[in-house]
Protein backbone atom coordinates (compact mmCIF):
# COMPACT_ATOMS: atom_id res chain seq x y z
CA MET A 1 0.00 0.00 0.00
CA SER A 2 1.53 3.30 -1.11
CA GLU A 3 1.77 6.36 1.14
CA ALA A 4 -0.58 9.25 0.38
CA ALA A 5 1.20 12.10 -1.32
CA PRO A 6 1.75 15.14 0.89
CA PRO A 7 -0.44 18.15 0.13
CA LYS A 8 0.87 21.35 -1.38
CA LEU A 9 1.03 23.49 1.74
CA ARG A 10 -0.09 26.79 0.24
CA GLU A 11 -2.85 25.35 -1.93
CA ALA A 12 -4.59 23.28 0.79
CA PRO A 13 -3.86 24.66 4.27
CA GLU A 14 -6.47 22.39 5.97
CA LEU A 15 -4.92 19.28 4.45
CA ALA A 16 -1.46 20.61 5.27
CA ALA A 17 -2.38 20.99 8.95
CA SER A 18 -3.76 17.45 9.01
CA PHE A 19 -0.65 16.18 7.27
CA LEU A 20 1.62 17.92 9.79
CA ALA A 21 -0.38 16.51 12.73
CA ASP A 22 -0.14 12.98 11.31
CA LEU A 23 3.56 13.46 10.64
CA THR A 24 4.24 14.68 14.20
CA GLN A 25 2.37 11.66 15.54
CA GLU A 26 4.51 9.38 13.38
CA PHE A 27 7.71 10.94 14.68
CA ALA A 28 6.50 10.70 18.29
CA SER A 29 5.97 6.94 18.09
CA SER A 30 9.19 6.31 20.01
CA LEU A 31 11.30 8.11 22.64
CA ASP A 32 14.40 6.10 21.75
CA ILE A 33 16.80 8.42 19.92
CA ASP A 34 18.02 5.78 17.42
CA GLU A 35 14.49 4.66 16.59
CA THR A 36 13.44 8.29 16.21
CA LEU A 37 16.25 9.00 13.76
CA LYS A 38 15.49 5.88 11.72
CA ASN A 39 11.80 6.76 11.66
CA ALA A 40 12.62 10.31 10.56
CA ILE A 41 14.77 9.10 7.67
CA ASP A 42 12.02 6.76 6.47
CA ARG A 43 9.49 9.61 6.56
CA PHE A 44 11.83 11.93 4.66
CA MET A 45 12.37 9.41 1.87
CA VAL A 46 8.62 8.81 1.52
CA HIS A 47 7.37 12.37 1.68
CA LEU A 48 10.20 14.13 -0.18
CA ASP A 49 10.92 11.52 -2.85
CA ALA A 50 14.72 11.76 -2.60
CA GLU A 51 17.37 9.30 -3.73
CA ALA A 52 19.32 9.71 -0.47
CA ALA A 53 18.81 11.39 2.89
CA SER A 54 20.98 11.92 5.96
CA ILE A 55 20.60 13.44 9.39
CA PHE A 56 23.60 15.28 10.82
CA LEU A 57 23.61 16.19 14.53
CA LEU A 58 25.92 18.56 16.36
CA GLU A 59 28.32 16.94 18.83
CA ASP A 60 31.55 17.76 20.69
CA ASP A 61 30.16 21.02 22.15
CA ASP A 62 28.61 21.90 18.79
CA THR A 63 31.96 21.86 16.95
CA THR A 64 31.35 18.74 14.87
CA LEU A 65 28.54 17.50 12.64
CA VAL A 66 28.12 13.73 12.72
CA CYS A 67 25.91 11.72 10.40
CA ARG A 68 23.74 9.71 12.80
CA GLU A 69 21.33 8.16 10.27
CA CYS A 70 21.05 7.90 6.50
CA ALA A 71 19.20 6.18 3.66
CA GLY A 72 20.17 5.61 0.05
CA PRO A 73 22.75 3.68 -1.95
CA VAL A 74 25.72 4.75 0.23
CA ASP A 75 25.97 4.38 4.03
CA ILE A 76 27.73 7.46 5.46
CA ARG A 77 26.73 6.96 9.09
CA GLY A 78 29.56 8.15 11.35
CA LEU A 79 30.83 10.68 8.80
CA ARG A 80 32.22 13.67 10.72
CA LEU A 81 32.41 17.22 9.39
CA ALA A 82 33.49 20.48 10.97
CA ALA A 83 30.44 22.39 12.16
CA ASP A 84 30.93 25.03 9.44
CA GLN A 85 31.95 22.69 6.61
CA GLY A 86 30.05 22.46 3.36
CA ILE A 87 26.39 23.14 2.69
CA VAL A 88 25.31 21.25 5.83
CA GLY A 89 27.63 23.42 7.94
CA GLN A 90 26.32 26.62 6.34
CA THR A 91 22.74 25.54 7.01
CA VAL A 92 23.49 24.87 10.68
CA ALA A 93 25.57 28.02 11.20
CA ARG A 94 22.86 30.28 9.76
CA VAL A 95 19.90 28.15 10.95
CA GLU A 96 18.44 28.72 7.51
CA PRO A 97 17.36 26.20 4.83
CA ARG A 98 19.42 25.94 1.65
CA ILE A 99 18.73 24.51 -1.76
CA VAL A 100 21.45 23.88 -4.30
CA ARG A 101 19.41 23.05 -7.33
CA ASP A 102 22.47 22.07 -9.39
CA VAL A 103 25.72 21.38 -7.51
CA ALA A 104 27.71 21.93 -10.67
CA GLU A 105 26.90 25.63 -10.32
CA ASP A 106 27.74 25.96 -6.55
CA ALA A 107 31.35 26.45 -5.44
CA SER A 108 30.58 25.53 -1.79
CA PHE A 109 29.69 21.96 -2.68
CA ALA A 110 32.24 19.57 -1.13
CA ALA A 111 32.87 17.01 -3.87
CA LYS A 112 35.22 14.99 -1.66
CA VAL A 113 32.35 12.96 -0.16
CA ASP A 114 31.18 11.97 -3.65
CA ALA A 115 34.73 11.05 -4.57
CA ASP A 116 35.08 8.87 -1.48
CA SER A 117 31.65 7.25 -1.71
CA GLY A 118 31.10 6.93 -5.47
CA PHE A 119 27.68 8.61 -5.23
CA ALA A 120 26.88 11.24 -7.85
CA THR A 121 25.22 14.28 -6.31
CA ARG A 122 23.26 16.50 -8.66
CA SER A 123 20.97 18.49 -6.35
CA ILE A 124 20.94 19.20 -2.59
CA LEU A 125 18.19 20.31 -0.28
CA CYS A 126 19.32 21.05 3.29
CA VAL A 127 17.17 22.30 6.18
CA PRO A 128 18.10 22.91 9.83
CA LEU A 129 16.73 20.77 12.66
CA ALA A 130 15.92 23.43 15.23
CA VAL A 131 13.76 23.68 18.36
CA ARG A 132 13.01 27.10 19.87
CA GLY A 133 15.89 28.71 18.05
CA ARG A 134 18.46 26.10 19.06
CA CYS A 135 19.89 24.15 16.15
CA LEU A 136 20.39 20.42 16.74
CA GLY A 137 21.76 19.63 13.30
CA ALA A 138 20.48 19.40 9.75
CA LEU A 139 18.58 17.23 7.30
CA GLU A 140 20.25 16.78 3.93
CA LEU A 141 18.41 15.39 0.88
CA LEU A 142 20.20 14.42 -2.34
CA ASN A 143 18.77 14.14 -5.87
CA LYS A 144 15.03 14.14 -6.38
CA ARG A 145 13.67 10.99 -7.98
CA GLY A 146 12.27 11.33 -11.47
CA GLY A 147 12.40 14.20 -13.92
CA ASP A 148 15.70 16.03 -14.08
CA GLY A 149 16.58 14.96 -10.50
CA LEU A 150 16.69 18.55 -9.27
CA PHE A 151 14.82 19.93 -6.26
CA GLU A 152 12.31 22.78 -6.60
CA ARG A 153 11.37 25.63 -4.26
CA ASN A 154 8.19 23.86 -3.09
CA ASP A 155 10.35 20.89 -2.04
CA LEU A 156 12.24 23.21 0.29
CA GLU A 157 8.99 24.39 1.88
CA LEU A 158 7.78 20.83 2.52
CA ALA A 159 11.20 19.76 3.79
CA SER A 160 11.19 22.61 6.34
CA VAL A 161 7.81 21.47 7.70
CA VAL A 162 8.90 17.84 7.93
CA ALA A 163 12.22 18.84 9.54
CA ALA A 164 10.44 20.92 12.20
CA ALA A 165 8.40 17.89 13.28
CA ALA A 166 11.50 15.68 13.20
CA ALA A 167 13.53 18.17 15.27
CA LEU A 168 10.87 18.18 17.99
CA ALA A 169 10.85 14.37 18.07
CA ILE A 170 14.65 14.27 18.28
CA HIS A 171 14.62 16.86 21.07
CA ASN A 172 12.01 14.88 23.03
CA ALA A 173 13.94 11.64 22.57
CA ARG A 174 17.12 13.31 23.83
CA MET A 175 15.26 14.70 26.85
CA ALA A 176 13.86 11.26 27.63
CA ALA A 177 17.33 9.72 27.36
CA ALA A 178 18.74 12.42 29.63
CA LEU A 179 16.06 11.76 32.26
CA VAL A 180 16.77 8.03 32.15
CA GLU A 181 20.49 8.73 32.53
CA GLN A 182 19.87 11.14 35.42
CA GLU A 183 17.81 8.53 37.23
CA ARG A 184 20.48 5.90 36.64
CA VAL A 185 23.18 8.21 38.00
CA ARG A 186 20.97 9.14 40.97
CA LYS A 187 20.47 5.50 41.88
CA GLU A 188 24.18 4.76 41.49
CA LEU A 189 25.09 7.73 43.71
CA GLU A 190 22.50 6.65 46.27
CA LEU A 191 24.01 3.16 46.30
CA ALA A 192 27.52 4.63 46.59
CA ARG A 193 26.38 6.73 49.56
CA HIS A 194 24.94 3.66 51.28
CA ILE A 195 28.23 1.82 50.70
CA GLN A 196 30.17 4.76 52.14
CA GLU A 197 27.93 4.87 55.21
CA SER A 198 28.58 1.17 55.74
CA LEU A 199 32.33 1.92 55.85
CA LEU A 200 31.88 4.34 58.76
CA PRO A 201 32.01 2.80 62.23
CA PRO A 202 28.73 2.52 64.15
CA ARG A 203 27.88 5.08 66.80
CA GLU A 204 29.14 4.14 70.25
CA GLY A 205 27.79 4.93 73.69
CA ALA A 206 29.24 7.40 76.18
CA GLU A 207 31.53 4.73 77.62
CA PHE A 208 33.59 4.52 74.39
CA ALA A 209 36.73 6.61 73.82
CA VAL A 210 36.25 7.79 70.22
CA HIS A 211 33.30 9.47 68.50
CA GLY A 212 32.89 10.95 65.02
CA VAL A 213 30.42 12.53 62.60
CA ASN A 214 30.49 12.89 58.81
CA ILE A 215 28.26 15.29 56.85
CA PRO A 216 28.77 14.97 53.07
CA ALA A 217 28.35 18.07 50.93
CA ARG A 218 27.22 15.92 47.99
CA GLU A 219 25.82 12.45 47.52
CA VAL A 220 29.23 10.93 48.15
CA SER A 221 31.99 12.19 50.42
CA GLY A 222 35.76 12.47 50.13
CA ASP A 223 36.09 12.68 53.94
CA PHE A 224 36.09 9.70 56.25
CA TYR A 225 36.76 8.69 59.81
CA ASP A 226 37.23 5.31 61.44
CA PHE A 227 37.99 3.77 64.80
CA MET A 228 38.06 0.33 66.38
CA PRO A 229 39.33 -1.38 69.54
CA LEU A 230 42.35 -3.63 69.01
CA ALA A 231 43.19 -6.97 70.59
CA ASP A 232 46.04 -5.45 72.64
CA GLY A 233 43.69 -2.97 74.35
CA ARG A 234 44.58 0.04 72.25
CA VAL A 235 41.97 1.96 70.24
CA TYR A 236 42.82 2.80 66.60
CA PHE A 237 41.39 5.98 65.08
CA ALA A 238 41.84 7.98 61.86
CA LEU A 239 40.30 10.97 60.11
CA ALA A 240 41.12 11.94 56.52
CA ASP A 241 40.24 14.15 53.58
CA VAL A 242 40.76 13.05 49.97
CA SER A 243 41.65 15.72 47.41
CA GLY A 244 39.07 16.45 44.75
CA LYS A 245 35.34 15.84 44.66
CA GLY A 246 32.85 13.33 43.36
CA MET A 247 33.20 9.65 42.58
CA ASN A 248 37.00 9.66 42.11
CA ALA A 249 37.48 11.05 45.62
CA ALA A 250 34.94 8.61 47.03
CA LEU A 251 36.72 5.62 45.48
CA LEU A 252 40.10 6.73 46.82
CA MET A 253 38.46 7.29 50.20
CA ALA A 254 37.12 3.72 50.23
CA LYS A 255 40.52 2.32 49.29
CA THR A 256 42.39 4.37 51.91
CA THR A 257 40.05 3.65 54.80
CA SER A 258 40.14 -0.06 53.98
CA LEU A 259 43.95 -0.07 53.91
CA LEU A 260 44.18 1.84 57.18
CA ARG A 261 41.70 -0.42 58.98
CA CYS A 262 43.34 -3.62 57.75
CA LEU A 263 46.95 -2.59 58.46
CA ALA A 264 46.13 -0.92 61.81
CA LYS A 265 45.51 -4.35 63.34
CA SER A 266 49.20 -5.21 63.07
CA ALA A 267 50.85 -1.77 63.02
CA THR A 268 53.39 -1.08 65.75
CA SER A 269 52.96 2.70 65.55
CA ALA A 270 50.94 5.41 63.81
CA GLY A 271 53.98 6.46 61.75
CA ALA A 272 54.59 2.90 60.57
CA LEU A 273 50.92 2.59 59.63
CA LEU A 274 50.96 5.73 57.45
CA HIS A 275 54.29 4.70 55.89
CA GLU A 276 52.85 1.41 54.70
CA VAL A 277 49.55 2.88 53.48
CA ASN A 278 51.38 5.70 51.67
CA ASN A 279 53.49 3.25 49.68
CA GLU A 280 50.37 1.33 48.63
CA ILE A 281 48.63 4.52 47.47
CA CYS A 282 51.72 5.86 45.64
CA GLU A 283 52.02 2.59 43.76
CA ARG A 284 48.53 2.89 42.25
CA SER A 285 47.63 6.58 42.65
CA THR A 286 46.40 8.36 39.52
CA LEU A 287 45.17 11.80 38.46
CA GLY A 288 47.45 13.50 41.00
CA MET A 289 45.09 12.76 43.90
CA PHE A 290 46.29 12.56 47.49
CA VAL A 291 44.96 12.05 51.01
CA THR A 292 45.55 14.14 54.13
CA VAL A 293 45.13 12.00 57.23
CA VAL A 294 45.60 11.98 60.98
CA ALA A 295 45.86 8.51 62.50
CA GLY A 296 46.71 7.28 65.94
CA PHE A 297 46.33 4.84 68.78
CA LEU A 298 44.88 5.56 72.22
CA GLU A 299 46.02 3.62 75.28
CA PRO A 300 42.95 4.00 77.53
CA ARG A 301 44.67 2.93 80.75
CA SER A 302 47.50 5.49 80.53
CA GLY A 303 45.56 8.16 78.66
CA GLN A 304 48.40 8.35 76.11
CA VAL A 305 47.83 8.95 72.40
CA GLU A 306 50.43 8.10 69.75
CA LEU A 307 49.65 10.28 66.72
CA ALA A 308 50.95 10.82 63.16
CA ASN A 309 49.77 13.58 60.82
CA ALA A 310 50.18 13.38 57.02
CA GLY A 311 49.49 16.83 55.64
CA HIS A 312 46.24 17.32 57.58
CA HIS A 313 45.08 20.23 59.73
CA PRO A 314 46.61 20.29 63.21
CA ALA A 315 45.00 18.11 65.86
CA LEU A 316 43.65 20.18 68.76
CA LEU A 317 44.02 19.13 72.39
CA ARG A 318 41.58 20.86 74.73
CA GLY A 319 42.90 20.33 78.23
CA ALA A 320 40.78 19.62 81.29
CA ASP A 321 41.47 23.23 82.34
CA GLY A 322 40.20 24.64 79.02
CA SER A 323 43.67 25.25 77.56
CA LEU A 324 44.27 24.63 73.85
CA ARG A 325 47.27 23.09 72.12
CA SER A 326 47.73 22.12 68.48
CA TYR A 327 49.83 19.38 66.84
CA ALA A 328 50.79 20.19 63.24
CA ALA A 329 51.51 17.79 60.38
CA GLY A 330 54.98 16.28 60.30
CA ALA A 331 54.89 14.93 56.74
CA PRO A 332 53.17 15.51 53.36
CA PRO A 333 49.85 13.87 52.44
CA LEU A 334 49.61 10.23 51.42
CA GLY A 335 50.10 9.63 47.70
CA VAL A 336 52.64 12.43 47.11
CA LEU A 337 56.04 10.81 47.79
CA ALA A 338 56.77 7.12 48.23
CA ASP A 339 58.93 5.58 50.94
CA ILE A 340 59.06 8.56 53.32
CA ASP A 341 58.87 8.66 57.12
CA PHE A 342 55.85 9.87 59.08
CA PRO A 343 57.04 10.99 62.52
CA GLY A 344 54.83 10.09 65.45
CA GLU A 345 54.11 12.14 68.54
CA ARG A 346 53.01 11.02 72.01
CA ILE A 347 50.34 13.10 73.69
CA ALA A 348 49.16 12.80 77.28
CA LEU A 349 45.44 13.56 77.39
CA ASP A 350 45.43 14.13 81.18
CA GLY A 351 41.65 14.34 81.26
CA GLY A 352 41.48 16.48 78.13
CA THR A 353 40.02 15.79 74.68
CA LEU A 354 41.77 15.50 71.34
CA TYR A 355 39.74 16.94 68.43
CA LEU A 356 40.27 16.21 64.73
CA TYR A 357 38.43 17.95 61.89
CA THR A 358 38.39 18.63 58.14
CA ASP A 359 38.41 22.04 56.48
CA GLY A 360 34.75 21.77 55.56
CA ILE A 361 33.94 23.23 58.96
CA SER A 362 37.04 25.31 59.77
CA GLU A 363 36.82 27.14 56.41
CA SER A 364 33.04 27.54 56.48
CA ILE A 365 31.66 31.04 55.98
CA SER A 366 29.06 32.92 58.02
CA ALA A 367 26.25 35.01 56.54
CA ASP A 368 28.43 38.14 56.77
CA GLY A 369 31.35 36.45 54.98
CA ALA A 370 33.54 35.70 58.00
CA GLU A 371 35.43 32.40 58.14
CA LEU A 372 34.94 30.25 61.23
CA GLY A 373 38.62 29.38 61.52
CA VAL A 374 40.35 27.30 64.15
CA LEU A 375 39.58 29.76 66.94
CA GLY A 376 35.87 29.77 66.13
CA LEU A 377 35.84 25.98 65.96
CA SER A 378 37.69 25.77 69.28
CA ALA A 379 35.04 28.00 70.84
CA LEU A 380 32.34 25.57 69.67
CA PHE A 381 34.29 22.70 71.25
CA SER A 382 34.52 24.64 74.52
CA ASP A 383 30.81 25.47 74.56
CA ALA A 384 29.93 21.79 74.11
CA ALA A 385 32.48 20.55 76.70
CA PRO A 386 29.92 19.93 79.49
CA LEU A 387 28.07 17.40 77.34
CA SER A 388 28.92 13.71 77.22
CA ALA A 389 31.34 12.60 74.52
CA ALA A 390 28.57 10.75 72.66
CA LEU A 391 26.49 13.95 72.32
CA ARG A 392 29.18 16.59 72.00
CA LEU A 393 29.91 16.52 68.27
CA ASP A 394 26.21 16.63 67.38
CA ALA A 395 25.93 19.68 69.63
CA VAL A 396 28.93 21.32 67.91
CA VAL A 397 27.38 20.84 64.46
CA ALA A 398 23.99 22.06 65.69
CA ALA A 399 25.58 25.22 67.16
CA TRP A 400 27.55 25.77 63.95
CA ARG A 401 24.38 25.60 61.89
CA ALA A 402 22.47 27.82 64.31
CA ALA A 403 25.21 30.46 63.94
CA GLY A 404 24.48 30.62 60.20
CA TYR A 405 27.68 29.08 58.85
CA ARG A 406 27.60 27.36 55.48
CA SER A 407 30.05 25.07 53.71
CA HIS A 408 30.29 23.60 50.21
CA ASP A 409 32.71 20.93 51.38
CA ASP A 410 32.33 17.74 53.40
CA ILE A 411 32.43 18.13 57.18
CA THR A 412 33.98 15.50 59.44
CA LEU A 413 34.70 15.77 63.17
CA MET A 414 36.23 13.36 65.67
CA LEU A 415 37.05 13.44 69.35
CA VAL A 416 39.28 11.16 71.40
CA GLU A 417 39.20 11.05 75.19
CA VAL A 418 39.40 8.60 78.03
CA PRO A 419 35.83 7.92 79.20
CA LYS A 420 35.17 9.43 82.61
CA ALA A 421 33.90 7.06 85.25
CA ASP A 422 30.75 8.45 86.88
CA ALA A 423 29.24 6.41 89.66
CA THR A 424 26.39 8.89 90.03
CA ARG A 425 25.12 8.35 86.48
CA SER A 426 23.85 5.12 84.95
CA GLU A 427 21.68 4.17 81.99
CA ALA A 428 18.52 2.59 83.35
CA LEU A 429 16.70 2.05 80.04
CA ASN A 430 17.60 2.24 76.34
CA TRP A 431 14.77 1.06 74.12
CA ARG A 432 14.26 1.55 70.37
CA PHE A 433 10.70 0.93 69.17
CA THR A 434 8.39 1.61 66.22
CA ALA A 435 6.54 4.92 66.25
CA ASP A 436 3.16 3.24 66.59
CA ALA A 437 0.44 3.88 69.18
CA MET A 438 0.29 0.12 69.78
CA GLN A 439 3.80 0.37 71.29
CA LEU A 440 2.76 2.89 73.97
CA LYS A 441 1.25 0.34 76.36
CA PRO A 442 4.41 -1.81 76.60
CA MET A 443 6.42 1.42 76.88
CA ARG A 444 4.34 2.53 79.90
CA GLU A 445 4.73 -0.89 81.51
CA ARG A 446 8.53 -0.74 81.10
CA VAL A 447 8.69 2.70 82.73
CA ARG A 448 6.52 1.55 85.65
CA GLU A 449 8.72 -1.53 86.16
CA LEU A 450 11.79 0.72 86.10
CA GLY A 451 10.21 3.05 88.67
CA LEU A 452 9.51 0.13 91.02
CA ALA A 453 13.04 -1.26 90.60
CA SER A 454 14.59 2.19 91.10
CA GLY A 455 12.58 3.02 94.24
CA TRP A 456 10.74 5.98 92.72
CA SER A 457 7.62 7.24 94.46
CA ASP A 458 4.24 6.40 92.95
CA LYS A 459 3.71 10.07 92.09
CA LEU A 460 7.08 10.40 90.37
CA THR A 461 6.52 7.19 88.43
CA GLY A 462 3.04 8.30 87.36
CA ASP A 463 4.30 11.73 86.28
CA LEU A 464 7.09 10.23 84.20
CA VAL A 465 4.77 7.70 82.56
CA LEU A 466 2.32 10.45 81.58
CA ALA A 467 5.02 12.82 80.32
CA ILE A 468 6.79 10.14 78.26
CA ASN A 469 3.49 8.85 76.87
CA GLU A 470 2.44 12.38 75.81
CA ALA A 471 5.82 13.04 74.21
CA CYS A 472 5.67 9.78 72.26
CA MET A 473 2.12 10.57 71.09
CA ASN A 474 3.33 13.95 69.81
CA ILE A 475 6.14 12.25 67.89
CA ILE A 476 3.81 9.65 66.37
CA GLU A 477 1.03 12.11 65.41
CA HIS A 478 2.92 15.29 64.57
CA ALA A 479 6.57 14.50 63.82
CA TYR A 480 6.01 11.38 61.71
CA GLY A 481 2.31 11.79 60.89
CA PRO A 482 -0.10 9.08 59.78
CA ASP A 483 1.70 8.29 56.51
CA ASN A 484 5.28 8.09 57.77
CA ALA A 485 6.66 5.07 59.58
CA GLY A 486 9.60 5.64 61.86
CA GLU A 487 11.31 4.79 65.11
CA ILE A 488 11.66 6.31 68.57
CA VAL A 489 14.60 5.83 70.90
CA LEU A 490 13.81 6.17 74.63
CA GLU A 491 16.72 6.58 77.03
CA ILE A 492 16.25 6.96 80.79
CA LEU A 493 19.28 7.88 82.90
CA ASN A 494 19.45 7.68 86.68
CA ASN A 495 21.64 10.57 87.78
CA GLU A 496 22.65 11.28 91.36
CA ASN A 497 19.51 13.22 92.26
CA GLU A 498 17.41 13.34 89.12
CA VAL A 499 15.99 11.26 86.30
CA GLU A 500 16.93 12.31 82.76
CA ILE A 501 14.70 11.23 79.86
CA VAL A 502 15.91 11.48 76.25
CA LEU A 503 13.49 10.83 73.37
CA THR A 504 14.96 10.77 69.85
CA ASP A 505 13.03 10.55 66.58
CA PHE A 506 14.24 10.56 63.00
CA ALA A 507 11.47 12.61 61.40
CA ALA A 508 11.85 15.96 59.63
CA PRO A 509 13.30 18.66 61.93
CA ILE A 510 10.57 20.49 63.82
CA GLU A 511 10.33 24.27 64.23
CA LEU A 512 11.91 24.79 67.63
CA ASP A 513 10.51 28.30 68.10
CA ALA A 514 6.97 27.03 67.59
CA ILE A 515 7.32 24.60 70.50
CA HIS A 516 8.67 26.73 73.30
CA GLY A 517 6.45 28.97 75.34
CA ARG A 518 3.07 27.83 74.02
CA ALA A 519 0.28 29.07 76.27
CA LEU A 520 -2.26 26.70 77.79
CA GLU A 521 -5.08 28.07 75.64
CA ASP A 522 -3.02 27.26 72.53
CA VAL A 523 -2.71 23.55 73.35
CA ARG A 524 -4.31 21.54 70.56
CA PRO A 525 -7.53 19.68 71.39
CA GLY A 526 -7.01 16.01 72.20
CA GLY A 527 -3.47 16.45 73.53
CA LEU A 528 -1.89 17.83 76.68
CA GLY A 529 1.00 19.14 74.66
CA THR A 530 4.27 20.69 75.65
CA HIS A 531 2.51 22.81 78.28
CA PHE A 532 1.61 19.70 80.29
CA MET A 533 5.11 18.23 80.04
CA SER A 534 6.65 21.55 81.08
CA THR A 535 4.33 21.67 84.09
CA ILE A 536 5.21 18.30 85.59
CA MET A 537 8.89 18.15 84.56
CA ASP A 538 11.63 20.33 86.06
CA SER A 539 13.22 21.08 82.68
CA LEU A 540 12.45 20.40 79.04
CA SER A 541 14.41 21.19 75.86
CA TYR A 542 14.31 20.33 72.15
CA THR A 543 17.24 20.12 69.72
CA HIS A 544 17.81 18.71 66.23
CA LEU A 545 20.07 15.82 65.34
CA ALA A 546 23.21 17.22 63.76
CA THR A 547 24.05 14.64 61.13
CA ARG A 548 20.67 13.41 59.92
CA PRO A 549 17.00 14.49 60.09
CA GLY A 550 15.60 14.05 63.57
CA ASN A 551 14.71 15.67 66.88
CA VAL A 552 15.80 15.17 70.48
CA LEU A 553 13.62 15.93 73.52
CA ARG A 554 15.32 16.07 76.93
CA MET A 555 13.31 16.11 80.15
CA ARG A 556 14.60 16.12 83.71
CA LYS A 557 12.81 15.42 87.00
CA ARG A 558 14.20 15.52 90.56
CA LEU A 559 14.15 12.16 92.29
CA GLU A 560 11.62 11.41 95.02
CA LYS A 561 12.32 8.15 96.82
CA ALA A 562 9.38 6.05 97.97
CA ALA A 563 8.61 6.35 101.68
CA THR A 564 9.77 3.39 103.80
CA ASP A 565 8.40 2.11 107.12
CA CYS A 566 10.54 2.71 110.23
């Protein structure tokens, strides 16, 4: 069955509109770019009755025209021309159609292609493939079938209409391919981020000596930290920053942290560890990348740290008396020079804390353009000093954000200290449960059992049960909401003369200003709200998690022992 001949556009505008609609529908039959180009060539050959047709698209930042599809006696797919070469190049450069009715009379005709292919070109019709003023390439038609084989002016008009529909189809196919590629890259980056997170050590409780946080600026990070207890009683730790950004930095990060962790188990010193890892990286390092790293070993019993610094920012020791001392790098970064020494240094903590950091935070900028710097960072460390080691770094990051600082680089922090024994403070309950109202009854029973075992008065136990129950209801209903599943972590600490309750959720950060100071008449119907909890508890405060979405509620209540018979 033969195709219907296209209408003459000026003589039958209604038929022309119908023809254009049908043609656009034909071109839109696929969003695959190769299928679209093949379909376009087939349509051109049918509707324009040419001996040969080719589609050239701009590539290499619009400097090269490449034949992506063709039809006719000679296959020129892959032919590359300079973007301004020949009649095709002129058409693209001017974004104007061209007709060379007889190539023998046109000096711009490039006869080399004919000489190479053996095809005899007599007439050329070339129209740009453009969408909203942006030229994608050009359609070139050679030799009209029948008659004298030369194109006429009305052929140029029809070719321009057909090319406009084809250009839109090509543009849409490219957009679809770009979206597919973006989604593929997004999923790969998401997977890479999950893999990176799995390389970081798990969070430890307050009784552990080393704590760290990592906040990537992008999907993947070039920073890392690690720590682990060793068989000989020492604790290994390291913090590092890989040069560069993106996937290359992330891959080098994964390699370096794996080498450090593996070799740390048998290393006799921090300097020997960095020496061995440096040689491994220098042997395979490419693209001029390097790693700045601070690594060391803590001896918990003596409070001594043995430290080596390869081109990283100075480690900061905040003494128990608030004094500050820094320990600068003694060697270049890993991956720069092979077979060099990395001098170690012994540091006596003496009740102080050793802080390590990357420049993502020290070089961050405030809203008025001021850099935080080492002194500003040290002030944040000092402000957070009263908190337990497990909470301190989160508090530092939260204070940094609250002060309006911003960074376009990864942020990593670590602290090393000998855990302080505290006989007046013990963890009575640590329970992680689903944010579901069905979990509230077992939660209340656990708190009552704890109150009985701890010797709390009936009134104190009842007050704590009600306050914790109300707080959990608020988290379930308002933080997570009916459509969001999540978890709640309940911690209850028995201090010397008070009970401390910590409730952590992992929902979107709440508006802290909207919580504090709400009047009784503003309490929402159906809930006792923050007003009730503030009334029965001695203190109440909300903060955000520093390194991931989430909120922390802290409540304190003075202890009241149950009365005993004399």
